[in-house]
N, C-alpha and C. Protein backbone atom coordinates (compact mmCIF):
# COMPACT_ATOMS: atom_id res chain seq x y z
N MET A 1 -21.89 -5.15 9.30
CA MET A 1 -20.52 -4.76 9.00
C MET A 1 -20.29 -3.34 9.53
N PRO A 2 -19.14 -3.09 10.16
CA PRO A 2 -18.84 -1.77 10.71
C PRO A 2 -18.76 -0.70 9.62
N ASN A 3 -18.90 0.54 10.06
CA ASN A 3 -18.84 1.67 9.14
C ASN A 3 -17.50 2.38 9.19
N GLY A 4 -17.28 3.27 8.23
CA GLY A 4 -16.17 4.22 8.22
C GLY A 4 -14.81 3.65 8.55
N PRO A 5 -14.11 4.30 9.48
CA PRO A 5 -12.73 3.91 9.77
C PRO A 5 -12.57 2.47 10.23
N TYR A 6 -13.56 1.93 10.95
CA TYR A 6 -13.44 0.54 11.41
C TYR A 6 -13.46 -0.40 10.21
N ARG A 7 -14.34 -0.12 9.29
CA ARG A 7 -14.43 -0.94 8.08
C ARG A 7 -13.17 -0.79 7.24
N ALA A 8 -12.67 0.44 7.11
CA ALA A 8 -11.44 0.68 6.35
C ALA A 8 -10.27 -0.06 6.97
N SER A 9 -10.17 -0.03 8.31
CA SER A 9 -9.05 -0.70 8.95
C SER A 9 -9.15 -2.22 8.81
N ALA A 10 -10.36 -2.75 8.72
CA ALA A 10 -10.52 -4.19 8.51
C ALA A 10 -9.98 -4.57 7.13
N TYR A 11 -10.33 -3.79 6.11
CA TYR A 11 -9.80 -4.04 4.78
C TYR A 11 -8.27 -3.87 4.76
N ALA A 12 -7.78 -2.85 5.45
CA ALA A 12 -6.33 -2.61 5.48
C ALA A 12 -5.60 -3.77 6.13
N GLY A 13 -6.09 -4.23 7.25
CA GLY A 13 -5.45 -5.34 7.95
C GLY A 13 -5.43 -6.60 7.12
N ARG A 14 -6.55 -6.91 6.50
CA ARG A 14 -6.61 -8.12 5.67
C ARG A 14 -5.73 -7.96 4.44
N GLY A 15 -5.73 -6.76 3.85
CA GLY A 15 -4.90 -6.53 2.67
C GLY A 15 -3.42 -6.66 2.97
N MET A 16 -2.98 -6.12 4.11
CA MET A 16 -1.57 -6.24 4.48
C MET A 16 -1.21 -7.69 4.76
N SER A 17 -2.14 -8.43 5.33
CA SER A 17 -1.91 -9.85 5.58
C SER A 17 -1.77 -10.61 4.25
N PHE A 18 -2.64 -10.31 3.30
CA PHE A 18 -2.52 -10.93 1.98
C PHE A 18 -1.18 -10.57 1.34
N SER A 19 -0.77 -9.33 1.46
CA SER A 19 0.50 -8.89 0.88
C SER A 19 1.67 -9.67 1.47
N ARG A 20 1.68 -9.86 2.77
CA ARG A 20 2.77 -10.60 3.42
C ARG A 20 2.85 -12.04 2.93
N ARG A 21 1.73 -12.57 2.46
CA ARG A 21 1.70 -13.95 1.97
C ARG A 21 1.77 -14.00 0.44
N ALA A 22 2.12 -12.86 -0.18
CA ALA A 22 2.26 -12.73 -1.64
C ALA A 22 0.97 -13.08 -2.39
N ARG A 23 -0.15 -12.79 -1.77
CA ARG A 23 -1.45 -12.96 -2.43
C ARG A 23 -1.87 -11.56 -2.90
N CYS A 24 -1.16 -11.11 -3.94
CA CYS A 24 -1.22 -9.71 -4.33
C CYS A 24 -2.54 -9.25 -4.93
N GLU A 25 -3.21 -10.07 -5.70
CA GLU A 25 -4.49 -9.64 -6.26
C GLU A 25 -5.47 -9.31 -5.14
N GLU A 26 -5.52 -10.17 -4.14
CA GLU A 26 -6.42 -9.94 -3.01
C GLU A 26 -5.96 -8.74 -2.18
N ALA A 27 -4.65 -8.61 -2.01
CA ALA A 27 -4.10 -7.47 -1.25
C ALA A 27 -4.44 -6.15 -1.94
N ILE A 28 -4.25 -6.09 -3.23
CA ILE A 28 -4.54 -4.86 -3.98
C ILE A 28 -6.01 -4.49 -3.84
N ALA A 29 -6.89 -5.47 -3.97
CA ALA A 29 -8.33 -5.20 -3.87
C ALA A 29 -8.68 -4.65 -2.48
N ASP A 30 -8.18 -5.30 -1.42
CA ASP A 30 -8.53 -4.86 -0.07
C ASP A 30 -7.88 -3.53 0.30
N LEU A 31 -6.63 -3.34 -0.06
CA LEU A 31 -5.95 -2.08 0.29
C LEU A 31 -6.54 -0.90 -0.47
N THR A 32 -6.91 -1.14 -1.73
CA THR A 32 -7.56 -0.09 -2.51
C THR A 32 -8.91 0.26 -1.91
N GLN A 33 -9.67 -0.76 -1.51
CA GLN A 33 -10.97 -0.51 -0.89
C GLN A 33 -10.81 0.25 0.42
N SER A 34 -9.80 -0.09 1.19
CA SER A 34 -9.53 0.63 2.44
C SER A 34 -9.32 2.11 2.18
N LEU A 35 -8.54 2.44 1.17
CA LEU A 35 -8.28 3.85 0.85
C LEU A 35 -9.50 4.55 0.26
N ARG A 36 -10.37 3.79 -0.41
CA ARG A 36 -11.62 4.39 -0.91
C ARG A 36 -12.52 4.79 0.25
N ILE A 37 -12.60 3.92 1.25
CA ILE A 37 -13.46 4.19 2.40
C ILE A 37 -12.90 5.32 3.24
N ASP A 38 -11.60 5.29 3.49
CA ASP A 38 -10.95 6.30 4.34
C ASP A 38 -9.61 6.68 3.72
N PRO A 39 -9.59 7.71 2.86
CA PRO A 39 -8.36 8.11 2.17
C PRO A 39 -7.25 8.60 3.10
N ASN A 40 -7.61 8.98 4.33
CA ASN A 40 -6.62 9.48 5.29
C ASN A 40 -6.73 8.70 6.59
N PRO A 41 -6.16 7.49 6.62
CA PRO A 41 -6.25 6.70 7.85
C PRO A 41 -5.67 7.46 9.03
N PRO A 42 -6.26 7.30 10.21
CA PRO A 42 -5.85 8.10 11.36
C PRO A 42 -4.48 7.77 11.93
N LYS A 43 -4.04 6.54 11.82
CA LYS A 43 -2.76 6.17 12.42
C LYS A 43 -1.66 6.20 11.37
N HIS A 44 -0.60 6.88 11.69
CA HIS A 44 0.55 7.03 10.81
C HIS A 44 1.06 5.67 10.33
N GLU A 45 1.23 4.72 11.24
CA GLU A 45 1.78 3.41 10.89
C GLU A 45 0.87 2.67 9.92
N VAL A 46 -0.44 2.80 10.12
CA VAL A 46 -1.39 2.13 9.24
C VAL A 46 -1.30 2.72 7.84
N GLU A 47 -1.26 4.05 7.74
CA GLU A 47 -1.19 4.69 6.44
C GLU A 47 0.07 4.28 5.69
N VAL A 48 1.21 4.29 6.38
CA VAL A 48 2.46 3.87 5.76
C VAL A 48 2.35 2.43 5.29
N GLY A 49 1.82 1.56 6.14
CA GLY A 49 1.69 0.14 5.79
C GLY A 49 0.80 -0.08 4.59
N ILE A 50 -0.31 0.63 4.53
CA ILE A 50 -1.23 0.48 3.40
C ILE A 50 -0.51 0.84 2.10
N HIS A 51 0.13 2.00 2.08
CA HIS A 51 0.78 2.44 0.84
C HIS A 51 1.99 1.57 0.50
N PHE A 52 2.75 1.15 1.50
CA PHE A 52 3.90 0.29 1.23
C PHE A 52 3.45 -1.05 0.64
N HIS A 53 2.51 -1.70 1.30
CA HIS A 53 2.06 -3.01 0.82
C HIS A 53 1.34 -2.92 -0.52
N LEU A 54 0.58 -1.85 -0.72
CA LEU A 54 -0.08 -1.66 -2.00
C LEU A 54 0.96 -1.45 -3.10
N GLY A 55 1.95 -0.61 -2.83
CA GLY A 55 3.02 -0.40 -3.81
C GLY A 55 3.79 -1.66 -4.11
N ARG A 56 4.10 -2.41 -3.08
CA ARG A 56 4.84 -3.66 -3.24
C ARG A 56 4.08 -4.64 -4.13
N CYS A 57 2.79 -4.80 -3.87
CA CYS A 57 2.00 -5.74 -4.66
C CYS A 57 1.76 -5.24 -6.08
N LEU A 58 1.53 -3.95 -6.21
CA LEU A 58 1.36 -3.41 -7.56
C LEU A 58 2.63 -3.64 -8.39
N LEU A 59 3.78 -3.48 -7.78
CA LEU A 59 5.04 -3.73 -8.47
C LEU A 59 5.16 -5.20 -8.86
N MET A 60 4.81 -6.09 -7.96
CA MET A 60 4.88 -7.52 -8.25
C MET A 60 3.92 -7.92 -9.37
N GLU A 61 2.82 -7.19 -9.49
CA GLU A 61 1.83 -7.48 -10.54
C GLU A 61 2.11 -6.72 -11.84
N GLY A 62 3.20 -5.94 -11.87
CA GLY A 62 3.60 -5.26 -13.10
C GLY A 62 3.02 -3.87 -13.30
N HIS A 63 2.37 -3.31 -12.31
CA HIS A 63 1.78 -1.97 -12.40
C HIS A 63 2.80 -0.97 -11.84
N ARG A 64 3.84 -0.72 -12.61
CA ARG A 64 5.00 0.00 -12.11
C ARG A 64 4.72 1.44 -11.70
N GLN A 65 4.00 2.20 -12.50
CA GLN A 65 3.77 3.61 -12.16
C GLN A 65 2.91 3.74 -10.91
N GLN A 66 1.86 2.95 -10.83
CA GLN A 66 1.00 2.98 -9.63
C GLN A 66 1.80 2.55 -8.41
N ALA A 67 2.65 1.54 -8.58
CA ALA A 67 3.49 1.08 -7.48
C ALA A 67 4.39 2.21 -6.99
N LYS A 68 5.02 2.90 -7.91
CA LYS A 68 5.91 3.98 -7.53
C LYS A 68 5.16 5.08 -6.79
N ASP A 69 3.96 5.41 -7.25
CA ASP A 69 3.16 6.44 -6.59
C ASP A 69 2.90 6.09 -5.13
N HIS A 70 2.52 4.85 -4.86
CA HIS A 70 2.22 4.45 -3.48
C HIS A 70 3.49 4.31 -2.65
N LEU A 71 4.56 3.84 -3.24
CA LEU A 71 5.82 3.73 -2.51
C LEU A 71 6.37 5.11 -2.15
N LEU A 72 6.16 6.09 -3.03
CA LEU A 72 6.58 7.47 -2.71
C LEU A 72 5.82 8.01 -1.51
N ILE A 73 4.53 7.73 -1.45
CA ILE A 73 3.73 8.18 -0.30
C ILE A 73 4.25 7.53 0.97
N ALA A 74 4.49 6.22 0.93
CA ALA A 74 5.01 5.51 2.10
C ALA A 74 6.35 6.07 2.52
N CYS A 75 7.18 6.39 1.55
CA CYS A 75 8.51 6.94 1.83
C CYS A 75 8.40 8.31 2.50
N LYS A 76 7.52 9.14 2.00
CA LYS A 76 7.39 10.50 2.54
C LYS A 76 6.83 10.54 3.95
N ILE A 77 5.93 9.61 4.28
CA ILE A 77 5.31 9.65 5.60
C ILE A 77 5.92 8.64 6.57
N GLY A 78 6.75 7.73 6.05
CA GLY A 78 7.34 6.70 6.90
C GLY A 78 8.81 6.97 7.15
N ASP A 79 9.49 5.96 7.62
CA ASP A 79 10.92 6.13 7.81
C ASP A 79 11.66 5.72 6.54
N GLN A 80 12.94 5.93 6.53
CA GLN A 80 13.74 5.76 5.31
C GLN A 80 13.80 4.32 4.81
N ARG A 81 13.48 3.35 5.64
CA ARG A 81 13.48 1.96 5.17
C ARG A 81 12.48 1.75 4.03
N PHE A 82 11.39 2.50 4.06
CA PHE A 82 10.39 2.36 3.01
C PHE A 82 10.88 2.95 1.69
N CYS A 83 11.84 3.83 1.75
CA CYS A 83 12.36 4.47 0.54
C CYS A 83 13.23 3.51 -0.28
N ARG A 84 13.78 2.49 0.34
CA ARG A 84 14.62 1.54 -0.39
C ARG A 84 13.88 0.84 -1.51
N ALA A 85 12.61 0.60 -1.33
CA ALA A 85 11.81 -0.07 -2.36
C ALA A 85 11.79 0.74 -3.65
N LEU A 86 11.95 2.05 -3.54
CA LEU A 86 11.94 2.91 -4.73
C LEU A 86 13.20 2.73 -5.58
N GLN A 87 14.20 2.08 -5.04
CA GLN A 87 15.45 1.89 -5.78
C GLN A 87 15.42 0.63 -6.65
N SER A 88 14.28 -0.01 -6.73
CA SER A 88 14.14 -1.20 -7.57
C SER A 88 14.47 -0.84 -9.01
N PRO A 89 15.22 -1.69 -9.70
CA PRO A 89 15.52 -1.44 -11.13
C PRO A 89 14.26 -1.31 -11.98
N ARG A 90 13.18 -1.92 -11.55
CA ARG A 90 11.92 -1.83 -12.31
C ARG A 90 11.27 -0.46 -12.23
N LEU A 91 11.73 0.39 -11.30
CA LEU A 91 11.13 1.72 -11.13
C LEU A 91 12.03 2.85 -11.59
N LYS A 92 13.26 2.55 -11.95
CA LYS A 92 14.26 3.60 -12.23
C LYS A 92 13.85 4.58 -13.31
N ASN A 93 13.28 4.12 -14.40
CA ASN A 93 13.00 5.01 -15.54
C ASN A 93 11.64 5.68 -15.47
N LEU A 94 10.93 5.54 -14.37
CA LEU A 94 9.62 6.15 -14.22
C LEU A 94 9.76 7.52 -13.59
N LYS A 95 8.85 8.42 -13.92
CA LYS A 95 8.87 9.77 -13.33
C LYS A 95 8.07 9.81 -12.07
């Protein structure tokens, strides 16, 4: 199995794929593992995607505060389209 960033990107890619298919438990596990291996992915698009998909799945699984934290990161480093997810009624009353 590859080391470091290659291994992290493999988890990230699989996690984002799981997220797109609404397989959130698997997506959360892989995306979290990707960030454990490499907390600062080298490519801007990859980092945004990891945090967006992780936030999206965490929200779908009912982990609202964690979801908001990851969606905020995606919003700050991505374009404004990622910020729309923060307007979900399920996140309004969170700090």
